[in-house]
N, C-alpha and C. Protein backbone atom coordinates (compact mmCIF):
# COMPACT_ATOMS: atom_id res chain seq x y z
N MET A 1 -7.81 -4.42 -14.23
CA MET A 1 -8.63 -5.51 -13.75
C MET A 1 -9.99 -5.41 -14.41
N SER A 2 -10.44 -6.46 -15.02
CA SER A 2 -11.76 -6.45 -15.64
C SER A 2 -12.70 -7.35 -14.84
N MET A 3 -13.94 -6.93 -14.76
CA MET A 3 -14.93 -7.68 -14.01
C MET A 3 -16.16 -7.90 -14.88
N VAL A 4 -16.78 -9.04 -14.68
CA VAL A 4 -18.02 -9.33 -15.39
C VAL A 4 -19.16 -9.14 -14.40
N GLY A 5 -20.18 -8.42 -14.81
CA GLY A 5 -21.31 -8.17 -13.91
C GLY A 5 -21.23 -6.75 -13.37
N GLU A 6 -22.21 -6.42 -12.53
CA GLU A 6 -22.26 -5.05 -12.05
C GLU A 6 -21.80 -4.89 -10.61
N HIS A 7 -21.57 -6.00 -9.89
CA HIS A 7 -21.11 -5.92 -8.51
C HIS A 7 -19.87 -6.79 -8.33
N GLY A 8 -19.02 -6.36 -7.45
CA GLY A 8 -17.84 -7.14 -7.11
C GLY A 8 -17.70 -7.21 -5.60
N THR A 9 -16.93 -8.16 -5.14
CA THR A 9 -16.67 -8.30 -3.72
C THR A 9 -15.21 -7.99 -3.47
N VAL A 10 -14.96 -7.14 -2.50
CA VAL A 10 -13.60 -6.72 -2.19
C VAL A 10 -13.30 -7.15 -0.77
N MET A 11 -12.15 -7.83 -0.59
CA MET A 11 -11.74 -8.19 0.76
C MET A 11 -10.75 -7.15 1.23
N ILE A 12 -10.96 -6.64 2.43
CA ILE A 12 -10.16 -5.54 2.95
C ILE A 12 -9.22 -6.08 4.01
N GLY A 13 -7.92 -6.02 3.71
CA GLY A 13 -6.91 -6.47 4.67
C GLY A 13 -7.03 -7.95 4.97
N SER A 14 -6.51 -8.35 6.11
CA SER A 14 -6.54 -9.76 6.48
C SER A 14 -7.58 -10.02 7.56
N THR A 15 -8.48 -9.05 7.78
CA THR A 15 -9.46 -9.19 8.84
C THR A 15 -10.67 -10.01 8.42
N GLY A 16 -10.80 -10.29 7.14
CA GLY A 16 -11.95 -11.02 6.66
C GLY A 16 -13.14 -10.13 6.37
N LEU A 17 -12.94 -8.80 6.50
CA LEU A 17 -14.01 -7.85 6.22
C LEU A 17 -14.25 -7.81 4.71
N VAL A 18 -15.50 -7.95 4.32
CA VAL A 18 -15.84 -8.00 2.90
C VAL A 18 -16.84 -6.90 2.61
N ALA A 19 -16.63 -6.18 1.52
CA ALA A 19 -17.54 -5.11 1.12
C ALA A 19 -18.03 -5.36 -0.30
N GLN A 20 -19.30 -5.10 -0.53
CA GLN A 20 -19.86 -5.19 -1.88
C GLN A 20 -19.71 -3.83 -2.55
N VAL A 21 -19.14 -3.81 -3.73
CA VAL A 21 -18.98 -2.55 -4.46
C VAL A 21 -19.50 -2.71 -5.87
N SER A 22 -19.98 -1.62 -6.41
CA SER A 22 -20.40 -1.62 -7.80
C SER A 22 -19.19 -1.35 -8.68
N VAL A 23 -19.22 -1.89 -9.86
CA VAL A 23 -18.12 -1.68 -10.79
C VAL A 23 -18.04 -0.21 -11.13
N GLY A 24 -16.84 0.34 -11.07
CA GLY A 24 -16.65 1.74 -11.40
C GLY A 24 -16.81 2.68 -10.22
N GLU A 25 -17.12 2.16 -9.05
CA GLU A 25 -17.27 3.00 -7.87
C GLU A 25 -16.19 2.64 -6.86
N GLU A 26 -15.78 3.63 -6.09
CA GLU A 26 -14.83 3.39 -5.01
C GLU A 26 -15.59 2.85 -3.81
N GLY A 27 -15.05 1.81 -3.20
CA GLY A 27 -15.71 1.22 -2.04
C GLY A 27 -15.25 1.91 -0.76
N LYS A 28 -16.20 2.39 0.04
CA LYS A 28 -15.89 3.00 1.32
C LYS A 28 -16.44 2.10 2.42
N VAL A 29 -15.59 1.80 3.37
CA VAL A 29 -16.01 0.97 4.48
C VAL A 29 -16.46 1.88 5.61
N ARG A 30 -17.64 1.64 6.13
CA ARG A 30 -18.15 2.45 7.24
C ARG A 30 -17.63 1.88 8.55
N VAL A 31 -17.16 2.77 9.39
CA VAL A 31 -16.65 2.37 10.70
C VAL A 31 -17.52 3.03 11.76
N SER A 32 -17.99 2.24 12.71
CA SER A 32 -18.88 2.77 13.73
C SER A 32 -18.13 3.66 14.71
N ARG A 33 -18.89 4.50 15.41
CA ARG A 33 -18.28 5.37 16.42
C ARG A 33 -17.64 4.55 17.52
N ARG A 34 -18.27 3.44 17.87
CA ARG A 34 -17.74 2.57 18.92
C ARG A 34 -16.37 2.03 18.52
N ASP A 35 -16.23 1.60 17.27
CA ASP A 35 -14.94 1.08 16.80
C ASP A 35 -13.88 2.18 16.80
N ARG A 36 -14.26 3.38 16.36
CA ARG A 36 -13.31 4.49 16.37
C ARG A 36 -12.86 4.81 17.78
N ARG A 37 -13.80 4.78 18.73
CA ARG A 37 -13.48 5.06 20.14
C ARG A 37 -12.54 3.98 20.69
N LEU A 38 -12.79 2.71 20.33
CA LEU A 38 -11.92 1.63 20.78
C LEU A 38 -10.50 1.79 20.23
N VAL A 39 -10.40 2.18 18.97
CA VAL A 39 -9.08 2.37 18.37
C VAL A 39 -8.36 3.53 19.04
N ARG A 40 -9.07 4.65 19.27
CA ARG A 40 -8.44 5.79 19.95
C ARG A 40 -7.97 5.42 21.34
N THR A 41 -8.78 4.64 22.05
CA THR A 41 -8.41 4.20 23.40
C THR A 41 -7.17 3.31 23.35
N ALA A 42 -7.14 2.38 22.41
CA ALA A 42 -5.99 1.48 22.28
C ALA A 42 -4.73 2.25 21.94
N VAL A 43 -4.82 3.21 21.02
CA VAL A 43 -3.65 4.02 20.65
C VAL A 43 -3.19 4.85 21.85
N GLY A 44 -4.12 5.38 22.62
CA GLY A 44 -3.77 6.14 23.82
C GLY A 44 -3.04 5.28 24.84
N ILE A 45 -3.53 4.06 25.05
CA ILE A 45 -2.89 3.15 25.99
C ILE A 45 -1.48 2.78 25.51
N ILE A 46 -1.33 2.53 24.23
CA ILE A 46 -0.02 2.20 23.68
C ILE A 46 0.94 3.37 23.85
N ALA A 47 0.46 4.59 23.59
CA ALA A 47 1.31 5.77 23.76
C ALA A 47 1.71 5.95 25.23
N LEU A 48 0.76 5.72 26.14
CA LEU A 48 1.06 5.83 27.57
C LEU A 48 2.10 4.80 27.99
N LEU A 49 1.95 3.57 27.53
CA LEU A 49 2.92 2.53 27.86
C LEU A 49 4.29 2.83 27.26
N ALA A 50 4.33 3.39 26.05
CA ALA A 50 5.61 3.74 25.43
C ALA A 50 6.29 4.85 26.23
N ALA A 51 5.53 5.84 26.68
CA ALA A 51 6.10 6.92 27.48
C ALA A 51 6.61 6.38 28.82
N LEU A 52 5.84 5.50 29.46
CA LEU A 52 6.27 4.89 30.72
C LEU A 52 7.54 4.07 30.51
N ASP A 53 7.61 3.33 29.42
CA ASP A 53 8.80 2.54 29.11
C ASP A 53 10.02 3.44 28.93
N ALA A 54 9.84 4.56 28.24
CA ALA A 54 10.95 5.50 28.03
C ALA A 54 11.41 6.10 29.35
N VAL A 55 10.48 6.46 30.21
CA VAL A 55 10.83 7.04 31.52
C VAL A 55 11.57 6.03 32.37
N LEU A 56 11.09 4.79 32.41
CA LEU A 56 11.74 3.77 33.20
C LEU A 56 13.13 3.43 32.64
N TYR A 57 13.25 3.41 31.32
CA TYR A 57 14.55 3.13 30.71
C TYR A 57 15.55 4.24 31.02
N LEU A 58 15.11 5.49 30.86
CA LEU A 58 16.01 6.62 31.15
C LEU A 58 16.34 6.67 32.63
N GLY A 59 15.40 6.33 33.50
CA GLY A 59 15.68 6.27 34.93
C GLY A 59 16.70 5.21 35.29
N HIS A 60 16.67 4.10 34.56
CA HIS A 60 17.62 3.02 34.79
C HIS A 60 19.02 3.40 34.29
N VAL A 61 19.07 4.09 33.16
CA VAL A 61 20.35 4.49 32.56
C VAL A 61 21.02 5.57 33.39
N VAL A 62 20.24 6.54 33.86
CA VAL A 62 20.79 7.66 34.63
C VAL A 62 20.97 7.21 36.04
């Protein structure tokens, strides 16, 4: 990929998040502590619901 100029714009995923990067540098997206905490909480809730689903399913089968 060739670019003209010293800066490029990179779109990350389908979230619409855009980062400015210099040509020849790797772009790192900074994530806030709040966002990391929200993601950990969401993953924990999903894991809890999956475990509850497995317990209820096994209880129904047995």
